[in-house]
C-alpha atoms as a PDB file:
ATOM      1  CA  MET A   1       0.000   0.000   0.000  1.00  0.00           C
ATOM      2  CA  PRO A   2       1.214   3.600  -0.448  1.00  0.00           C
ATOM      3  CA  SER A   3       3.196   4.664   2.609  1.00  0.00           C
ATOM      4  CA  THR A   4       2.827   7.897   4.543  1.00  0.00           C
ATOM      5  CA  VAL A   5       5.998   9.043   2.773  1.00  0.00           C
ATOM      6  CA  VAL A   6       4.239   8.695  -0.593  1.00  0.00           C
ATOM      7  CA  HIS A   7       1.130  10.505   0.695  1.00  0.00           C
ATOM      8  CA  VAL A   8       3.259  13.355   2.050  1.00  0.00           C
ATOM      9  CA  SER A   9       5.149  13.577  -1.241  1.00  0.00           C
ATOM     10  CA  LEU A  10       1.950  13.910  -3.241  1.00  0.00           C
ATOM     11  CA  ALA A  11       0.626  16.515  -0.823  1.00  0.00           C
ATOM     12  CA  GLY A  12       3.890  18.427  -1.171  1.00  0.00           C
ATOM     13  CA  LEU A  13       3.523  18.489  -4.957  1.00  0.00           C
ATOM     14  CA  ILE A  14      -0.061  19.728  -4.621  1.00  0.00           C
ATOM     15  CA  ALA A  15       1.065  22.453  -2.220  1.00  0.00           C
ATOM     16  CA  ALA A  16       3.929  23.511  -4.503  1.00  0.00           C
ATOM     17  CA  GLY A  17       1.601  23.684  -7.496  1.00  0.00           C
ATOM     18  CA  LEU A  18      -1.422  25.396  -5.950  1.00  0.00           C
ATOM     19  CA  LEU A  19      -0.335  27.611  -3.047  1.00  0.00           C
ATOM     20  CA  GLY A  20       1.214  30.256  -5.304  1.00  0.00           C
ATOM     21  CA  ARG A  21       2.651  33.163  -3.330  1.00  0.00           C
ATOM     22  CA  ALA A  22       1.356  31.618  -0.119  1.00  0.00           C
ATOM     23  CA  PHE A  23       3.884  28.790  -0.434  1.00  0.00           C
ATOM     24  CA  GLU A  24       6.299  28.764   2.523  1.00  0.00           C
ATOM     25  CA  TRP A  25       7.162  26.517   5.470  1.00  0.00           C
ATOM     26  CA  ARG A  26       4.063  27.228   7.548  1.00  0.00           C
ATOM     27  CA  SER A  27       1.537  26.789   4.757  1.00  0.00           C
ATOM     28  CA  LEU A  28       3.363  23.665   3.576  1.00  0.00           C
ATOM     29  CA  ALA A  29       3.180  22.245   7.101  1.00  0.00           C
ATOM     30  CA  VAL A  30      -0.575  22.877   7.250  1.00  0.00           C
ATOM     31  CA  VAL A  31      -1.203  21.108   3.949  1.00  0.00           C
ATOM     32  CA  VAL A  32       1.157  18.181   4.526  1.00  0.00           C
ATOM     33  CA  VAL A  33       1.207  17.546   8.272  1.00  0.00           C
ATOM     34  CA  ALA A  34      -2.042  18.912   9.679  1.00  0.00           C
ATOM     35  CA  ALA A  35      -4.100  17.484   6.826  1.00  0.00           C
ATOM     36  CA  THR A  36      -2.502  14.580   4.968  1.00  0.00           C
ATOM     37  CA  VAL A  37      -0.742  12.916   7.893  1.00  0.00           C
ATOM     38  CA  PHE A  38      -3.900  13.354   9.996  1.00  0.00           C
ATOM     39  CA  VAL A  39      -5.865  11.137   7.610  1.00  0.00           C
ATOM     40  CA  ASP A  40      -3.530   8.195   8.258  1.00  0.00           C
ATOM     41  CA  LEU A  41      -3.964   8.531  12.016  1.00  0.00           C
ATOM     42  CA  ASP A  42      -7.149   6.464  11.807  1.00  0.00           C
ATOM     43  CA  VAL A  43      -4.811   3.466  11.955  1.00  0.00           C
ATOM     44  CA  PHE A  44      -4.654   3.987  15.736  1.00  0.00           C
ATOM     45  CA  LEU A  45      -8.450   3.857  15.995  1.00  0.00           C
ATOM     46  CA  GLY A  46      -8.209   0.262  14.814  1.00  0.00           C
ATOM     47  CA  TRP A  47      -7.067  -0.706  18.313  1.00  0.00           C
ATOM     48  CA  TRP A  48     -10.563   0.100  19.596  1.00  0.00           C
ATOM     49  CA  ILE A  49     -12.794   0.102  16.494  1.00  0.00           C
ATOM     50  CA  GLY A  50     -12.477  -2.837  14.120  1.00  0.00           C
ATOM     51  CA  GLY A  51     -11.835  -1.789  10.522  1.00  0.00           C
ATOM     52  CA  ALA A  52     -11.423   1.893  11.413  1.00  0.00           C
ATOM     53  CA  HIS A  53      -8.256   2.287   9.342  1.00  0.00           C
ATOM     54  CA  ARG A  54      -9.062   3.423   5.810  1.00  0.00           C
ATOM     55  CA  ALA A  55     -12.582   4.252   7.050  1.00  0.00           C
ATOM     56  CA  ALA A  56     -12.784   6.783   9.881  1.00  0.00           C
ATOM     57  CA  PHE A  57     -10.627   9.492   8.259  1.00  0.00           C
ATOM     58  CA  HIS A  58     -10.376   8.138   4.712  1.00  0.00           C
ATOM     59  CA  THR A  59     -14.025   8.782   3.938  1.00  0.00           C
ATOM     60  CA  LEU A  60     -14.686  11.281   1.150  1.00  0.00           C
ATOM     61  CA  LEU A  61     -17.186  12.877   3.498  1.00  0.00           C
ATOM     62  CA  LEU A  62     -14.188  14.414   5.313  1.00  0.00           C
ATOM     63  CA  PRO A  63     -13.034  16.708   2.455  1.00  0.00           C
ATOM     64  CA  ALA A  64     -16.691  17.394   1.642  1.00  0.00           C
ATOM     65  CA  LEU A  65     -17.239  18.561   5.230  1.00  0.00           C
ATOM     66  CA  LEU A  66     -14.081  20.689   5.128  1.00  0.00           C
ATOM     67  CA  ALA A  67     -15.184  22.275   1.853  1.00  0.00           C
ATOM     68  CA  GLY A  68     -18.583  23.090   3.354  1.00  0.00           C
ATOM     69  CA  LEU A  69     -16.962  24.751   6.375  1.00  0.00           C
ATOM     70  CA  ILE A  70     -14.703  26.834   4.130  1.00  0.00           C
ATOM     71  CA  VAL A  71     -17.645  28.017   2.012  1.00  0.00           C
ATOM     72  CA  TYR A  72     -19.608  28.916   5.127  1.00  0.00           C
ATOM     73  CA  ASP A  73     -16.677  30.774   6.679  1.00  0.00           C
ATOM     74  CA  THR A  74     -15.685  32.753   3.586  1.00  0.00           C
ATOM     75  CA  ARG A  75     -19.087  33.491   2.072  1.00  0.00           C
ATOM     76  CA  TYR A  76     -21.700  33.547   4.799  1.00  0.00           C
ATOM     77  CA  ARG A  77     -19.956  34.721   7.973  1.00  0.00           C
ATOM     78  CA  GLU A  78     -19.699  38.449   8.550  1.00  0.00           C
ATOM     79  CA  ALA A  79     -16.041  38.054   9.496  1.00  0.00           C
ATOM     80  CA  SER A  80     -14.102  35.120   8.085  1.00  0.00           C
ATOM     81  CA  VAL A  81     -12.002  33.297  10.666  1.00  0.00           C
ATOM     82  CA  LEU A  82      -9.618  32.115   7.958  1.00  0.00           C
ATOM     83  CA  ARG A  83      -9.021  35.607   6.567  1.00  0.00           C
ATOM     84  CA  SER A  84      -8.673  37.160  10.017  1.00  0.00           C
ATOM     85  CA  ARG A  85      -5.868  34.748  10.953  1.00  0.00           C
ATOM     86  CA  PHE A  86      -3.969  34.832   7.671  1.00  0.00           C
ATOM     87  CA  ALA A  87      -4.613  36.710   4.428  1.00  0.00           C
ATOM     88  CA  ALA A  88      -4.072  33.587   2.370  1.00  0.00           C
ATOM     89  CA  GLY A  89      -6.065  31.433   4.790  1.00  0.00           C
ATOM     90  CA  PRO A  90      -8.857  30.512   2.361  1.00  0.00           C
ATOM     91  CA  ARG A  91      -6.370  29.510  -0.341  1.00  0.00           C
ATOM     92  CA  ILE A  92      -4.406  27.349   2.090  1.00  0.00           C
ATOM     93  CA  ALA A  93      -7.640  25.760   3.289  1.00  0.00           C
ATOM     94  CA  TRP A  94      -8.753  24.878  -0.255  1.00  0.00           C
ATOM     95  CA  VAL A  95      -5.320  23.443  -1.100  1.00  0.00           C
ATOM     96  CA  THR A  96      -5.574  21.383   2.082  1.00  0.00           C
ATOM     97  CA  VAL A  97      -8.887  19.949   0.880  1.00  0.00           C
ATOM     98  CA  ALA A  98      -7.226  19.047  -2.431  1.00  0.00           C
ATOM     99  CA  ALA A  99      -4.312  17.412  -0.591  1.00  0.00           C
ATOM    100  CA  VAL A 100      -6.655  15.381   1.611  1.00  0.00           C
ATOM    101  CA  THR A 101      -8.628  14.210  -1.424  1.00  0.00           C
ATOM    102  CA  PHE A 102      -5.858  13.513  -3.932  1.00  0.00           C
ATOM    103  CA  GLY A 103      -2.789  13.108  -1.713  1.00  0.00           C
ATOM    104  CA  ALA A 104      -4.205  11.206   1.254  1.00  0.00           C
ATOM    105  CA  ILE A 105      -7.370   9.368   0.211  1.00  0.00           C
ATOM    106  CA  GLY A 106      -6.869   8.995  -3.545  1.00  0.00           C
ATOM    107  CA  PRO A 107      -3.762   6.763  -3.572  1.00  0.00           C
ATOM    108  CA  ASP A 108      -5.368   4.293  -1.166  1.00  0.00           C
ATOM    109  CA  LEU A 109      -8.625   4.253  -3.142  1.00  0.00           C
ATOM    110  CA  PHE A 110      -6.766   3.408  -6.350  1.00  0.00           C
ATOM    111  CA  PHE A 111      -4.499   0.840  -4.666  1.00  0.00           C
ATOM    112  CA  ASN A 112      -6.524  -1.493  -2.460  1.00  0.00           C
ATOM    113  CA  GLY A 113      -9.489   0.443  -1.199  1.00  0.00           C
ATOM    114  CA  VAL A 114     -11.034   2.889   1.255  1.00  0.00           C
ATOM    115  CA  ASN A 115     -14.428   3.147   2.914  1.00  0.00           C
ATOM    116  CA  VAL A 116     -15.452   6.079   0.713  1.00  0.00           C
ATOM    117  CA  PHE A 117     -18.760   7.038   2.367  1.00  0.00           C
ATOM    118  CA  TYR A 118     -18.179   5.875   5.945  1.00  0.00           C
ATOM    119  CA  PRO A 119     -20.108   6.053   8.280  1.00  0.00           C
ATOM    120  CA  VAL A 120     -23.155   6.702   6.074  1.00  0.00           C
ATOM    121  CA  HIS A 121     -22.406   3.638   3.950  1.00  0.00           C
ATOM    122  CA  ASP A 122     -20.046   1.036   5.442  1.00  0.00           C
ATOM    123  CA  GLN A 123     -18.349  -0.511   2.436  1.00  0.00           C
ATOM    124  CA  PHE A 124     -14.750  -0.430   1.245  1.00  0.00           C
ATOM    125  CA  TYR A 125     -14.321   0.184  -2.466  1.00  0.00           C
ATOM    126  CA  LYS A 126     -11.271   0.054  -4.648  1.00  0.00           C
ATOM    127  CA  LEU A 127     -10.559   1.340  -8.145  1.00  0.00           C
ATOM    128  CA  ASN A 128      -7.971  -0.482 -10.208  1.00  0.00           C
ATOM    129  CA  GLY A 129      -7.639  -0.751 -13.947  1.00  0.00           C
ATOM    130  CA  GLU A 130      -6.313   0.870 -17.099  1.00  0.00           C
ATOM    131  CA  VAL A 131      -7.333   3.214 -19.887  1.00  0.00           C
ATOM    132  CA  LEU A 132      -6.151   2.592 -23.455  1.00  0.00           C
ATOM    133  CA  LEU A 133      -6.852   3.240 -27.114  1.00  0.00           C
ATOM    134  CA  SER A 134      -6.824   0.240 -29.413  1.00  0.00           C
ATOM    135  CA  ASN A 135      -7.060   0.135 -33.198  1.00  0.00           C
ATOM    136  CA  GLN A 136      -9.304  -2.926 -32.786  1.00  0.00           C
ATOM    137  CA  ARG A 137     -11.207  -2.279 -29.561  1.00  0.00           C
ATOM    138  CA  GLY A 138     -11.335   1.515 -29.591  1.00  0.00           C
ATOM    139  CA  PHE A 139     -11.434   3.316 -26.228  1.00  0.00           C
ATOM    140  CA  VAL A 140     -11.104   0.863 -23.340  1.00  0.00           C
ATOM    141  CA  GLN A 141     -11.286   1.504 -19.604  1.00  0.00           C
ATOM    142  CA  THR A 142     -11.389  -1.118 -16.878  1.00  0.00           C
ATOM    143  CA  PHE A 143     -11.797   1.030 -13.754  1.00  0.00           C
ATOM    144  CA  VAL A 144     -15.607   0.821 -13.792  1.00  0.00           C
ATOM    145  CA  ASP A 145     -17.499  -2.168 -15.135  1.00  0.00           C
ATOM    146  CA  LEU A 146     -20.040  -0.814 -17.626  1.00  0.00           C
ATOM    147  CA  SER A 147     -20.897  -4.170 -19.184  1.00  0.00           C
ATOM    148  CA  PRO A 148     -24.546  -5.306 -19.117  1.00  0.00           C
ATOM    149  CA  PRO A 149     -25.604  -7.560 -16.216  1.00  0.00           C
ATOM    150  CA  GLU A 150     -25.172 -11.279 -16.555  1.00  0.00           C
ATOM    151  CA  PRO A 151     -28.317 -13.300 -17.348  1.00  0.00           C
ATOM    152  CA  ASN A 152     -28.470 -14.591 -13.780  1.00  0.00           C
ATOM    153  CA  GLY A 153     -28.534 -11.016 -12.464  1.00  0.00           C
ATOM    154  CA  SER A 154     -25.027 -11.176 -11.069  1.00  0.00           C
ATOM    155  CA  ASN A 155     -22.258  -8.877 -12.215  1.00  0.00           C
ATOM    156  CA  ALA A 156     -19.833  -9.495  -9.383  1.00  0.00           C
ATOM    157  CA  THR A 157     -16.182  -8.503  -9.426  1.00  0.00           C
ATOM    158  CA  ASN A 158     -13.279 -10.233  -7.753  1.00  0.00           C
ATOM    159  CA  ALA A 159     -12.595  -8.583  -4.413  1.00  0.00           C
ATOM    160  CA  THR A 160      -8.980  -7.866  -3.532  1.00  0.00           C
ATOM    161  CA  THR A 161      -7.304  -9.053  -0.397  1.00  0.00           C
ATOM    162  CA  PRO A 162      -6.815  -6.088   1.958  1.00  0.00           C
ATOM    163  CA  THR A 163      -3.026  -6.433   1.894  1.00  0.00           C
ATOM    164  CA  GLY A 164      -2.557  -6.536  -1.869  1.00  0.00           C
ATOM    165  CA  GLY A 165      -2.805  -4.022  -4.672  1.00  0.00           C
ATOM    166  CA  GLU A 166      -3.835  -6.329  -7.515  1.00  0.00           C
ATOM    167  CA  GLY A 167      -7.304  -7.305  -8.602  1.00  0.00           C
ATOM    168  CA  GLU A 168     -10.336  -5.724 -10.192  1.00  0.00           C
ATOM    169  CA  SER A 169     -12.274  -2.691  -9.072  1.00  0.00           C
ATOM    170  CA  GLY A 170     -15.274  -3.129  -6.857  1.00  0.00           C
ATOM    171  CA  ALA A 171     -16.535  -3.585  -3.335  1.00  0.00           C
ATOM    172  CA  VAL A 172     -14.055  -5.091  -0.891  1.00  0.00           C
ATOM    173  CA  GLY A 173     -16.145  -5.505   2.260  1.00  0.00           C
ATOM    174  CA  SER A 174     -17.366  -3.694   5.361  1.00  0.00           C
ATOM    175  CA  THR A 175     -15.432  -2.702   8.488  1.00  0.00           C
ATOM    176  CA  GLU A 176     -16.496  -6.019  10.036  1.00  0.00           C
ATOM    177  CA  GLU A 177     -14.907  -7.945   7.169  1.00  0.00           C
ATOM    178  CA  VAL A 178     -11.827  -5.926   6.205  1.00  0.00           C
ATOM    179  CA  HIS A 179      -8.611  -5.162   8.044  1.00  0.00           C
ATOM    180  CA  TYR A 180      -5.666  -3.425   6.375  1.00  0.00           C
ATOM    181  CA  ARG A 181      -2.352  -4.647   7.736  1.00  0.00           C
ATOM    182  CA  THR A 182      -0.024  -1.899   8.989  1.00  0.00           C
ATOM    183  CA  GLY A 183       3.061  -1.710  11.160  1.00  0.00           C
ATOM    184  CA  VAL A 184       0.967  -0.176  13.928  1.00  0.00           C
ATOM    185  CA  ASP A 185      -1.834  -2.735  13.733  1.00  0.00           C
ATOM    186  CA  PRO A 186      -0.710  -5.851  11.803  1.00  0.00           C
ATOM    187  CA  SER A 187      -3.884  -7.839  12.403  1.00  0.00           C
ATOM    188  CA  ARG A 188      -7.311  -7.520  13.937  1.00  0.00           C
ATOM    189  CA  GLY A 189      -7.294  -8.330  17.633  1.00  0.00           C
ATOM    190  CA  GLU A 190      -4.355  -9.542  19.692  1.00  0.00           C
ATOM    191  CA  GLU A 191      -0.973 -10.118  18.020  1.00  0.00           C
ATOM    192  CA  SER A 192       1.763 -12.507  19.056  1.00  0.00           C
ATOM    193  CA  ALA A 193       4.869 -11.078  20.697  1.00  0.00           C
ATOM    194  CA  ASN A 194       7.033 -11.819  17.651  1.00  0.00           C
ATOM    195  CA  VAL A 195       4.639 -10.490  15.003  1.00  0.00           C
ATOM    196  CA  GLU A 196       6.420  -8.709  12.156  1.00  0.00           C
ATOM    197  CA  ARG A 197       5.641  -5.001  11.947  1.00  0.00           C
ATOM    198  CA  VAL A 198       6.375  -3.555   8.513  1.00  0.00           C
ATOM    199  CA  PHE A 199       6.493   0.198   7.955  1.00  0.00           C
ATOM    200  CA  PRO A 200       6.816   0.695   4.179  1.00  0.00           C
ATOM    201  CA  VAL A 201       8.658   3.650   2.678  1.00  0.00           C
ATOM    202  CA  VAL A 202       8.291   2.900  -1.040  1.00  0.00           C
ATOM    203  CA  ARG A 203       7.034  -0.309  -2.624  1.00  0.00           C
ATOM    204  CA  SER A 204       7.784   0.305  -6.286  1.00  0.00           C
ATOM    205  CA  GLY A 205       9.925   2.314  -8.651  1.00  0.00           C
ATOM    206  CA  GLN A 206       6.941   4.550  -9.431  1.00  0.00           C
ATOM    207  CA  GLN A 207       6.483   5.390  -5.751  1.00  0.00           C
ATOM    208  CA  ALA A 208      10.201   6.121  -5.395  1.00  0.00           C
ATOM    209  CA  LEU A 209       9.986   8.443  -8.403  1.00  0.00           C
ATOM    210  CA  VAL A 210       7.065  10.324  -6.820  1.00  0.00           C
ATOM    211  CA  VAL A 211       9.027  10.779  -3.582  1.00  0.00           C
ATOM    212  CA  LEU A 212      12.178  11.976  -5.366  1.00  0.00           C
ATOM    213  CA  THR A 213      10.242  14.309  -7.670  1.00  0.00           C
ATOM    214  CA  SER A 214       8.382  15.814  -4.719  1.00  0.00           C
ATOM    215  CA  ALA A 215      11.605  16.329  -2.779  1.00  0.00           C
ATOM    216  CA  PHE A 216      13.132  18.134  -5.762  1.00  0.00           C
ATOM    217  CA  VAL A 217      10.082  20.301  -6.550  1.00  0.00           C
ATOM    218  CA  VAL A 218       9.226  21.221  -2.943  1.00  0.00           C
ATOM    219  CA  GLY A 219      12.871  21.803  -2.080  1.00  0.00           C
ATOM    220  CA  SER A 220      13.372  24.013  -5.127  1.00  0.00           C
ATOM    221  CA  ARG A 221      10.302  26.078  -4.319  1.00  0.00           C
ATOM    222  CA  LEU A 222      11.337  26.538  -0.709  1.00  0.00           C
ATOM    223  CA  LEU A 223      14.818  27.578  -1.790  1.00  0.00           C
ATOM    224  CA  GLY A 224      13.370  30.024  -4.315  1.00  0.00           C
ATOM    225  CA  THR A 225      11.053  31.497  -1.709  1.00  0.00           C
ATOM    226  CA  ARG A 226      13.968  31.926   0.688  1.00  0.00           C
ATOM    227  CA  ARG A 227      16.115  33.705  -1.926  1.00  0.00           C
ATOM    228  CA  SER A 228      13.309  36.081  -2.928  1.00  0.00           C
ATOM    229  CA  ARG A 229      13.060  37.508   0.586  1.00  0.00           C
END
């Protein structure tokens, strides 16, 4: 699964691309640490609530709620709290919503699943596939199954195991059925004393490239901001 390092790297790229003149250490920290890292903290809730990881804070209702609060604060309040604390507050807040959606939740959704509408709808979903153009088949996408239902009324997809990234898109299971293995919480319930705890950094060349690219882009922007002062 994508590690926190990969999530932070994506959030850093989003911050570097969207913050504009507001890009500096403090705004970067808000987008990356206060938002993106926060989403992964639901792993600790798994000690008390089964299946909480990838559900409690990975729900798409979280960025939707944040967006609603920003709209209310900036458009309907007489005095915006965000603007009163920092002139670029609204911009930083919107970039944070983008980082939560595309940097924190998105990679897990497209790898092996998140509980996208928890707690309103308790079901983990995952998107996995490809998009291509073929001279024989035309436009092909395999992320969403748009084929007609089978004659028996079933159009089921193969669910992925919670620890793997392969397999077709579709429903994975509820919080009662799914547990995502992490270094903090390797398995549901009690673990043996010698259980292996794995804390991934990168799991593929593509993930390593994202991390290195983010380090270069974010570092370059920070250096440029420092020199311009």
